[in-house]
């Protein structure tokens, strides 16, 4: 089965919020679509809640992929990886 590039999911610290975005390309933040948000202090103090929010964002992203291309993304890393330095904002 051919691998399809479904873009990427990015979680960004923006002020007091932790925001999730879908980006159609891996090499730019242009064209991003906002998916979800939570107050940063809710996840900083609770590692399990942080994992739950990340899982929720992946699940929502998976739903969108399934609706658009007929299948869910396969995650290469269970916890993701840090954003490139030039994409970091706030306290990320």
Protein backbone atom coordinates (compact mmCIF):
# COMPACT_ATOMS: atom_id res chain seq x y z
CA UNK A 1 0.00 0.00 0.00
CA UNK A 2 1.35 3.40 -0.98
CA UNK A 3 2.13 5.80 1.85
CA UNK A 4 0.24 9.09 1.69
CA UNK A 5 1.57 12.24 3.28
CA UNK A 6 -1.20 13.58 5.49
CA UNK A 7 0.77 16.61 6.65
CA UNK A 8 1.71 17.03 10.28
CA UNK A 9 0.24 17.74 13.65
CA UNK A 10 1.95 20.44 15.70
CA UNK A 11 1.37 21.44 19.32
CA UNK A 12 2.48 25.00 20.03
CA UNK A 13 2.81 27.03 23.21
CA UNK A 14 1.25 30.40 22.50
CA UNK A 15 1.03 32.66 25.52
CA UNK A 16 -0.92 30.81 28.21
CA UNK A 17 -2.37 28.31 25.76
CA UNK A 18 -1.21 25.04 24.21
CA UNK A 19 -2.65 24.96 20.69
CA UNK A 20 -2.83 22.11 18.20
CA UNK A 21 -2.61 22.76 14.46
CA UNK A 22 -2.59 20.62 11.32
CA UNK A 23 -0.15 21.69 8.64
CA UNK A 24 -0.49 20.27 5.13
CA UNK A 25 3.29 20.30 4.59
CA UNK A 26 6.20 19.30 6.81
CA UNK A 27 8.51 22.12 5.78
CA UNK A 28 6.35 25.15 6.54
CA UNK A 29 3.75 26.48 8.96
CA UNK A 30 1.78 28.09 6.16
CA UNK A 31 -1.79 26.93 5.68
CA UNK A 32 -2.19 25.69 9.23
CA UNK A 33 -5.63 24.70 10.54
CA UNK A 34 -6.43 25.16 14.24
CA UNK A 35 -7.67 21.91 15.84
CA UNK A 36 -7.76 22.24 19.64
CA UNK A 37 -6.50 24.21 22.61
CA UNK A 38 -6.06 23.97 26.37
CA UNK A 39 -4.64 26.25 29.01
CA UNK A 40 -0.96 25.47 29.46
CA UNK A 41 -1.16 25.33 33.25
CA UNK A 42 -3.60 22.39 33.02
CA UNK A 43 -1.02 20.17 31.31
CA UNK A 44 2.21 21.44 32.85
CA UNK A 45 1.23 20.25 36.32
CA UNK A 46 -0.09 16.85 35.21
CA UNK A 47 1.94 14.59 32.90
CA UNK A 48 -0.98 12.19 32.40
CA UNK A 49 -3.28 15.04 31.34
CA UNK A 50 -0.62 16.23 28.89
CA UNK A 51 -0.52 12.75 27.31
CA UNK A 52 -4.33 12.68 27.20
CA UNK A 53 -4.47 16.03 25.39
CA UNK A 54 -1.84 14.88 22.90
CA UNK A 55 -3.80 11.65 22.31
CA UNK A 56 -7.01 13.67 21.84
CA UNK A 57 -5.32 15.89 19.24
CA UNK A 58 -3.97 12.87 17.37
CA UNK A 59 -7.41 11.26 17.43
CA UNK A 60 -9.12 14.40 16.05
CA UNK A 61 -6.42 14.69 13.39
CA UNK A 62 -6.93 11.01 12.57
CA UNK A 63 -10.67 11.58 12.14
CA UNK A 64 -9.99 14.41 9.68
CA UNK A 65 -7.52 12.28 7.71
CA UNK A 66 -9.92 9.37 7.58
CA UNK A 67 -12.68 11.63 6.27
CA UNK A 68 -10.39 13.21 3.67
CA UNK A 69 -8.30 10.27 2.41
CA UNK A 70 -10.04 7.20 3.78
CA UNK A 71 -7.48 6.16 6.39
CA UNK A 72 -5.88 7.27 9.60
CA UNK A 73 -2.23 8.35 9.92
CA UNK A 74 0.37 5.96 11.30
CA UNK A 75 2.43 7.68 13.97
CA UNK A 76 6.17 7.05 13.73
CA UNK A 77 6.86 8.17 17.29
CA UNK A 78 4.55 7.67 20.28
CA UNK A 79 5.30 11.09 21.79
CA UNK A 80 6.23 13.02 18.66
CA UNK A 81 9.36 15.13 18.51
CA UNK A 82 10.28 18.74 19.29
CA UNK A 83 9.59 21.45 16.75
CA UNK A 84 12.43 22.81 14.70
CA UNK A 85 14.16 25.70 16.47
CA UNK A 86 13.00 28.26 13.89
CA UNK A 87 9.34 27.25 14.52
CA UNK A 88 9.42 27.59 18.28
CA UNK A 89 7.53 30.38 20.00
CA UNK A 90 6.82 31.33 23.58
CA UNK A 91 8.30 28.87 26.05
CA UNK A 92 8.37 25.89 23.67
